[in-house]
Amino acid sequence: MFDAVIFDLDGTLVDTEAVALDLGRRCLMSMGHEPDDQVFHQMIGKDGPTSDAILVAAYPGLDLPAFDRLWRGGFESAIENHLPLKPGVHDLIARIAQPMALCTSSRRDSALRKLALAGLETAFRQVVALEDVQRAKPHPEPYLTTAARLGVAPARCVVFEDSETGAAAARAAGCIVVQVPDILPATGDHAHHVAPTLLDGARLCGLIG
């Protein structure tokens, strides 16, 4: 049914969103701000600059460089000690015969480090990161770029995403979208299939039996 399979990274393959959310709360409190989960929820699936703008709008007095040092430094230390994976990641990847790619809003160095920690550094033919596009998700450019680098029409690609932002990008690019929600429930507005796990989603779309 498909010529290629494309995965998002954070919240889809690696279980990093909950780690980032918990650290973000603690960092804000340490700097004298009251954390608001709704603010962090707006940042899910977004690139770094967009997330920074959301934070500054919500916390006008926030020392953003200091917050970033605390948050990102704590996050890097946390995943170095333990990077949790989503259920079924290695099982699913081992069962896929088609070329695979990664399409992430993370910067390349961060994405490659997470892949290495997860034991997935050789799984993907292409890795498209934030630096590779002019317009980040929810714009379709990241997925159009990924499909082009694979040499495959977007309509022949199945995409696995967790966030509304990512699912919207993949759907707008013309891909088949399997959404496996992470912290926030899926609306289903942008997905062809919504599933509780990656393996369930792969079965729903006919990728595996």
C-alpha atoms as a PDB file:
ATOM      1  CA  MET A   1       0.000   0.000   0.000  1.00  0.00           C
ATOM      2  CA  PHE A   2       2.866   2.394   0.730  1.00  0.00           C
ATOM      3  CA  ASP A   3       6.232   3.181  -0.806  1.00  0.00           C
ATOM      4  CA  ALA A   4       7.719   4.767   2.336  1.00  0.00           C
ATOM      5  CA  VAL A   5       7.099   5.243   6.056  1.00  0.00           C
ATOM      6  CA  ILE A   6       7.834   8.508   7.857  1.00  0.00           C
ATOM      7  CA  PHE A   7       7.975   8.969  11.612  1.00  0.00           C
ATOM      8  CA  ASP A   8       7.884  12.002  13.842  1.00  0.00           C
ATOM      9  CA  LEU A   9      10.307  11.716  16.765  1.00  0.00           C
ATOM     10  CA  ASP A  10       9.308  13.322  20.082  1.00  0.00           C
ATOM     11  CA  GLY A  11       6.097  11.898  21.477  1.00  0.00           C
ATOM     12  CA  THR A  12       5.881   9.384  18.620  1.00  0.00           C
ATOM     13  CA  LEU A  13       9.005   7.221  18.861  1.00  0.00           C
ATOM     14  CA  VAL A  14      10.579   8.562  22.037  1.00  0.00           C
ATOM     15  CA  ASP A  15       8.554   9.335  25.152  1.00  0.00           C
ATOM     16  CA  THR A  16      10.100  12.750  25.768  1.00  0.00           C
ATOM     17  CA  GLU A  17       7.103  15.075  25.973  1.00  0.00           C
ATOM     18  CA  ALA A  18       6.202  14.095  29.558  1.00  0.00           C
ATOM     19  CA  VAL A  19       9.856  14.492  30.618  1.00  0.00           C
ATOM     20  CA  ALA A  20      10.009  17.961  29.051  1.00  0.00           C
ATOM     21  CA  LEU A  21       6.687  19.010  30.588  1.00  0.00           C
ATOM     22  CA  ASP A  22       7.705  17.995  34.109  1.00  0.00           C
ATOM     23  CA  LEU A  23      11.076  19.742  33.815  1.00  0.00           C
ATOM     24  CA  GLY A  24       9.478  22.858  32.357  1.00  0.00           C
ATOM     25  CA  ARG A  25       7.109  23.121  35.315  1.00  0.00           C
ATOM     26  CA  ARG A  26       9.946  22.795  37.811  1.00  0.00           C
ATOM     27  CA  CYS A  27      12.150  25.306  36.002  1.00  0.00           C
ATOM     28  CA  LEU A  28       9.381  27.907  35.926  1.00  0.00           C
ATOM     29  CA  MET A  29       8.714  27.468  39.634  1.00  0.00           C
ATOM     30  CA  SER A  30      12.407  27.787  40.429  1.00  0.00           C
ATOM     31  CA  MET A  31      12.374  31.148  38.615  1.00  0.00           C
ATOM     32  CA  GLY A  32       9.331  32.417  40.509  1.00  0.00           C
ATOM     33  CA  HIS A  33       6.651  31.752  37.894  1.00  0.00           C
ATOM     34  CA  GLU A  34       3.479  29.708  38.282  1.00  0.00           C
ATOM     35  CA  PRO A  35       3.462  26.925  35.656  1.00  0.00           C
ATOM     36  CA  ASP A  36       0.419  26.561  33.434  1.00  0.00           C
ATOM     37  CA  ASP A  37       0.056  23.238  31.641  1.00  0.00           C
ATOM     38  CA  GLN A  38      -2.055  24.885  28.939  1.00  0.00           C
ATOM     39  CA  VAL A  39       0.986  26.915  27.914  1.00  0.00           C
ATOM     40  CA  PHE A  40       3.130  23.800  27.586  1.00  0.00           C
ATOM     41  CA  HIS A  41       0.336  22.014  25.716  1.00  0.00           C
ATOM     42  CA  GLN A  42       0.414  24.781  23.098  1.00  0.00           C
ATOM     43  CA  MET A  43       4.093  23.967  22.528  1.00  0.00           C
ATOM     44  CA  ILE A  44       3.611  20.272  21.759  1.00  0.00           C
ATOM     45  CA  GLY A  45       4.781  19.491  18.241  1.00  0.00           C
ATOM     46  CA  LYS A  46       6.108  23.014  17.711  1.00  0.00           C
ATOM     47  CA  ASP A  47       9.653  24.013  16.770  1.00  0.00           C
ATOM     48  CA  GLY A  48      11.967  25.815  19.215  1.00  0.00           C
ATOM     49  CA  PRO A  49      11.458  29.409  18.034  1.00  0.00           C
ATOM     50  CA  THR A  50       7.666  29.021  18.032  1.00  0.00           C
ATOM     51  CA  SER A  51       7.759  27.468  21.504  1.00  0.00           C
ATOM     52  CA  ASP A  52       9.920  30.332  22.775  1.00  0.00           C
ATOM     53  CA  ALA A  53       7.386  32.850  21.448  1.00  0.00           C
ATOM     54  CA  ILE A  54       4.572  31.025  23.269  1.00  0.00           C
ATOM     55  CA  LEU A  55       6.537  31.165  26.531  1.00  0.00           C
ATOM     56  CA  VAL A  56       7.379  34.850  26.214  1.00  0.00           C
ATOM     57  CA  ALA A  57       3.727  35.691  25.478  1.00  0.00           C
ATOM     58  CA  ALA A  58       2.535  33.721  28.511  1.00  0.00           C
ATOM     59  CA  TYR A  59       5.296  34.916  30.881  1.00  0.00           C
ATOM     60  CA  PRO A  60       6.308  38.462  29.841  1.00  0.00           C
ATOM     61  CA  GLY A  61       8.857  38.789  32.650  1.00  0.00           C
ATOM     62  CA  LEU A  62      10.545  35.463  31.970  1.00  0.00           C
ATOM     63  CA  ASP A  63      14.309  35.491  31.477  1.00  0.00           C
ATOM     64  CA  LEU A  64      14.115  33.252  28.420  1.00  0.00           C
ATOM     65  CA  PRO A  65      17.865  32.556  27.981  1.00  0.00           C
ATOM     66  CA  ALA A  66      18.153  31.539  31.645  1.00  0.00           C
ATOM     67  CA  PHE A  67      15.021  29.403  31.412  1.00  0.00           C
ATOM     68  CA  ASP A  68      16.302  27.717  28.258  1.00  0.00           C
ATOM     69  CA  ARG A  69      19.597  26.878  29.934  1.00  0.00           C
ATOM     70  CA  LEU A  70      17.804  25.334  32.902  1.00  0.00           C
ATOM     71  CA  TRP A  71      15.172  23.494  30.895  1.00  0.00           C
ATOM     72  CA  ARG A  72      17.274  22.206  28.043  1.00  0.00           C
ATOM     73  CA  GLY A  73      20.203  21.363  30.294  1.00  0.00           C
ATOM     74  CA  GLY A  74      17.970  19.376  32.617  1.00  0.00           C
ATOM     75  CA  PHE A  75      16.315  17.659  29.678  1.00  0.00           C
ATOM     76  CA  GLU A  76      19.610  16.590  28.127  1.00  0.00           C
ATOM     77  CA  SER A  77      20.769  15.170  31.453  1.00  0.00           C
ATOM     78  CA  ALA A  78      17.488  13.334  31.947  1.00  0.00           C
ATOM     79  CA  ILE A  79      17.479  11.569  28.583  1.00  0.00           C
ATOM     80  CA  GLU A  80      21.189  10.761  28.861  1.00  0.00           C
ATOM     81  CA  ASN A  81      20.352   8.716  31.933  1.00  0.00           C
ATOM     82  CA  HIS A  82      17.194   7.200  30.476  1.00  0.00           C
ATOM     83  CA  LEU A  83      15.431   7.829  27.176  1.00  0.00           C
ATOM     84  CA  PRO A  84      12.050   6.080  27.306  1.00  0.00           C
ATOM     85  CA  LEU A  85      10.640   4.734  24.052  1.00  0.00           C
ATOM     86  CA  LYS A  86       7.043   4.443  23.029  1.00  0.00           C
ATOM     87  CA  PRO A  87       5.636   0.886  23.184  1.00  0.00           C
ATOM     88  CA  GLY A  88       6.408  -1.270  20.162  1.00  0.00           C
ATOM     89  CA  VAL A  89       8.982   0.991  18.519  1.00  0.00           C
ATOM     90  CA  HIS A  90      11.680  -1.592  17.811  1.00  0.00           C
ATOM     91  CA  ASP A  91       9.128  -4.285  16.985  1.00  0.00           C
ATOM     92  CA  LEU A  92       7.407  -2.093  14.403  1.00  0.00           C
ATOM     93  CA  ILE A  93      10.585  -0.815  12.790  1.00  0.00           C
ATOM     94  CA  ALA A  94      11.883  -4.380  12.451  1.00  0.00           C
ATOM     95  CA  ARG A  95       8.713  -5.348  10.582  1.00  0.00           C
ATOM     96  CA  ILE A  96       8.714  -2.526   8.038  1.00  0.00           C
ATOM     97  CA  ALA A  97      10.101  -3.399   4.622  1.00  0.00           C
ATOM     98  CA  GLN A  98       9.702   0.036   3.035  1.00  0.00           C
ATOM     99  CA  PRO A  99      12.292   2.820   3.250  1.00  0.00           C
ATOM    100  CA  MET A 100      11.861   4.861   6.416  1.00  0.00           C
ATOM    101  CA  ALA A 101      12.562   8.492   7.241  1.00  0.00           C
ATOM    102  CA  LEU A 102      12.354  10.760  10.252  1.00  0.00           C
ATOM    103  CA  CYS A 103      10.662  14.169  10.076  1.00  0.00           C
ATOM    104  CA  THR A 104      11.138  16.186  13.251  1.00  0.00           C
ATOM    105  CA  SER A 105      10.808  19.754  14.537  1.00  0.00           C
ATOM    106  CA  SER A 106      13.926  19.182  16.648  1.00  0.00           C
ATOM    107  CA  ARG A 107      17.264  20.519  15.529  1.00  0.00           C
ATOM    108  CA  ARG A 108      19.452  17.963  13.791  1.00  0.00           C
ATOM    109  CA  ASP A 109      22.043  17.542  16.543  1.00  0.00           C
ATOM    110  CA  SER A 110      19.305  16.914  19.111  1.00  0.00           C
ATOM    111  CA  ALA A 111      17.443  14.490  16.851  1.00  0.00           C
ATOM    112  CA  LEU A 112      20.555  12.470  16.029  1.00  0.00           C
ATOM    113  CA  ARG A 113      21.489  12.271  19.695  1.00  0.00           C
ATOM    114  CA  LYS A 114      18.038  10.946  20.618  1.00  0.00           C
ATOM    115  CA  LEU A 115      18.202   8.390  17.811  1.00  0.00           C
ATOM    116  CA  ALA A 116      21.589   7.192  19.056  1.00  0.00           C
ATOM    117  CA  LEU A 117      20.348   6.912  22.638  1.00  0.00           C
ATOM    118  CA  ALA A 118      17.308   4.980  21.401  1.00  0.00           C
ATOM    119  CA  GLY A 119      19.404   2.589  19.298  1.00  0.00           C
ATOM    120  CA  LEU A 120      17.746   3.854  16.101  1.00  0.00           C
ATOM    121  CA  GLU A 121      20.664   5.670  14.477  1.00  0.00           C
ATOM    122  CA  THR A 122      20.737   3.338  11.440  1.00  0.00           C
ATOM    123  CA  ALA A 123      16.983   2.872  10.986  1.00  0.00           C
ATOM    124  CA  PHE A 124      16.233   5.845   8.746  1.00  0.00           C
ATOM    125  CA  ARG A 125      17.275   6.549   5.196  1.00  0.00           C
ATOM    126  CA  GLN A 126      16.611  10.271   5.666  1.00  0.00           C
ATOM    127  CA  VAL A 127      16.420  12.576   8.690  1.00  0.00           C
ATOM    128  CA  VAL A 128      14.699  15.897   8.030  1.00  0.00           C
ATOM    129  CA  ALA A 129      15.155  18.322  10.927  1.00  0.00           C
ATOM    130  CA  LEU A 130      14.282  21.941  11.663  1.00  0.00           C
ATOM    131  CA  GLU A 131      17.317  23.287   9.774  1.00  0.00           C
ATOM    132  CA  ASP A 132      16.211  21.559   6.575  1.00  0.00           C
ATOM    133  CA  VAL A 133      13.062  23.626   6.041  1.00  0.00           C
ATOM    134  CA  GLN A 134      12.005  27.248   5.859  1.00  0.00           C
ATOM    135  CA  ARG A 135       8.578  26.636   7.434  1.00  0.00           C
ATOM    136  CA  ALA A 136       8.116  24.225  10.306  1.00  0.00           C
ATOM    137  CA  LYS A 137       5.102  22.075  11.145  1.00  0.00           C
ATOM    138  CA  PRO A 138       2.101  22.601  10.865  1.00  0.00           C
ATOM    139  CA  HIS A 139       3.180  23.789   7.417  1.00  0.00           C
ATOM    140  CA  PRO A 140       3.418  20.819   5.003  1.00  0.00           C
ATOM    141  CA  GLU A 141       6.988  21.685   3.930  1.00  0.00           C
ATOM    142  CA  PRO A 142       8.710  19.262   6.344  1.00  0.00           C
ATOM    143  CA  TYR A 143       6.762  16.293   4.998  1.00  0.00           C
ATOM    144  CA  LEU A 144       6.975  17.425   1.379  1.00  0.00           C
ATOM    145  CA  THR A 145      10.746  17.715   1.830  1.00  0.00           C
ATOM    146  CA  THR A 146      10.979  14.272   3.436  1.00  0.00           C
ATOM    147  CA  ALA A 147       8.989  12.607   0.660  1.00  0.00           C
ATOM    148  CA  ALA A 148      11.083  14.353  -1.988  1.00  0.00           C
ATOM    149  CA  ARG A 149      14.330  13.197  -0.388  1.00  0.00           C
ATOM    150  CA  LEU A 150      13.001   9.650  -0.367  1.00  0.00           C
ATOM    151  CA  GLY A 151      12.003  10.005  -4.023  1.00  0.00           C
ATOM    152  CA  VAL A 152       8.411   9.064  -3.225  1.00  0.00           C
ATOM    153  CA  ALA A 153       5.106  10.844  -3.846  1.00  0.00           C
ATOM    154  CA  PRO A 154       3.576  12.121  -0.573  1.00  0.00           C
ATOM    155  CA  ALA A 155       0.383  10.182  -1.267  1.00  0.00           C
ATOM    156  CA  ARG A 156       2.439   6.978  -1.191  1.00  0.00           C
ATOM    157  CA  CYS A 157       3.831   7.766   2.285  1.00  0.00           C
ATOM    158  CA  VAL A 158       2.300   6.811   5.608  1.00  0.00           C
ATOM    159  CA  VAL A 159       3.187   9.123   8.467  1.00  0.00           C
ATOM    160  CA  PHE A 160       3.127   8.369  12.198  1.00  0.00           C
ATOM    161  CA  GLU A 161       2.536  11.442  14.368  1.00  0.00           C
ATOM    162  CA  ASP A 162       1.410  12.159  17.914  1.00  0.00           C
ATOM    163  CA  SER A 163       0.454  15.852  17.852  1.00  0.00           C
ATOM    164  CA  GLU A 164      -2.233  17.855  16.094  1.00  0.00           C
ATOM    165  CA  THR A 165       0.528  20.107  14.739  1.00  0.00           C
ATOM    166  CA  GLY A 166       2.376  17.230  13.128  1.00  0.00           C
ATOM    167  CA  ALA A 167      -0.741  15.461  11.880  1.00  0.00           C
ATOM    168  CA  ALA A 168      -1.921  18.709  10.250  1.00  0.00           C
ATOM    169  CA  ALA A 169       1.431  19.079   8.480  1.00  0.00           C
ATOM    170  CA  ALA A 170       1.404  15.524   7.159  1.00  0.00           C
ATOM    171  CA  ARG A 171      -2.228  15.694   6.043  1.00  0.00           C
ATOM    172  CA  ALA A 172      -1.645  18.996   4.248  1.00  0.00           C
ATOM    173  CA  ALA A 173       1.322  17.416   2.446  1.00  0.00           C
ATOM    174  CA  GLY A 174      -0.986  14.709   1.090  1.00  0.00           C
ATOM    175  CA  CYS A 175       0.324  11.818   3.176  1.00  0.00           C
ATOM    176  CA  ILE A 176      -1.705   9.099   4.874  1.00  0.00           C
ATOM    177  CA  VAL A 177      -1.662  10.006   8.558  1.00  0.00           C
ATOM    178  CA  VAL A 178      -1.695   7.662  11.549  1.00  0.00           C
ATOM    179  CA  GLN A 179      -1.988   9.611  14.791  1.00  0.00           C
ATOM    180  CA  VAL A 180      -0.972   7.989  18.054  1.00  0.00           C
ATOM    181  CA  PRO A 181      -1.744  10.674  20.650  1.00  0.00           C
ATOM    182  CA  ASP A 182       0.675  11.290  23.485  1.00  0.00           C
ATOM    183  CA  ILE A 183      -0.113  13.852  26.217  1.00  0.00           C
ATOM    184  CA  LEU A 184      -3.135  15.368  24.505  1.00  0.00           C
ATOM    185  CA  PRO A 185      -6.013  13.396  22.964  1.00  0.00           C
ATOM    186  CA  ALA A 186      -6.390  13.457  19.196  1.00  0.00           C
ATOM    187  CA  THR A 187      -9.253  15.362  17.616  1.00  0.00           C
ATOM    188  CA  GLY A 188      -9.042  13.160  14.544  1.00  0.00           C
ATOM    189  CA  ASP A 189      -9.372  16.262  12.359  1.00  0.00           C
ATOM    190  CA  HIS A 190      -6.103  15.627  10.515  1.00  0.00           C
ATOM    191  CA  ALA A 191      -5.648  11.854  10.774  1.00  0.00           C
ATOM    192  CA  HIS A 192      -6.849   9.023   8.591  1.00  0.00           C
ATOM    193  CA  HIS A 193      -6.398   6.658  11.545  1.00  0.00           C
ATOM    194  CA  VAL A 194      -6.178   7.309  15.288  1.00  0.00           C
ATOM    195  CA  ALA A 195      -4.733   4.506  17.399  1.00  0.00           C
ATOM    196  CA  PRO A 196      -3.610   3.915  20.986  1.00  0.00           C
ATOM    197  CA  THR A 197      -0.207   2.484  19.995  1.00  0.00           C
ATOM    198  CA  LEU A 198       2.151   2.468  17.033  1.00  0.00           C
ATOM    199  CA  LEU A 199       1.505  -1.225  16.353  1.00  0.00           C
ATOM    200  CA  ASP A 200      -2.253  -0.712  16.448  1.00  0.00           C
ATOM    201  CA  GLY A 201      -1.898   2.191  14.041  1.00  0.00           C
ATOM    202  CA  ALA A 202       0.274   0.163  11.688  1.00  0.00           C
ATOM    203  CA  ARG A 203      -2.368  -2.550  11.590  1.00  0.00           C
ATOM    204  CA  LEU A 204      -5.199  -0.062  11.037  1.00  0.00           C
ATOM    205  CA  CYS A 205      -3.546   1.414   7.979  1.00  0.00           C
ATOM    206  CA  GLY A 206      -2.524  -1.983   6.596  1.00  0.00           C
ATOM    207  CA  LEU A 207       1.210  -1.467   7.009  1.00  0.00           C
ATOM    208  CA  ILE A 208       1.546  -4.715   8.956  1.00  0.00           C
ATOM    209  CA  GLY A 209      -0.745  -7.700   9.401  1.00  0.00           C
END
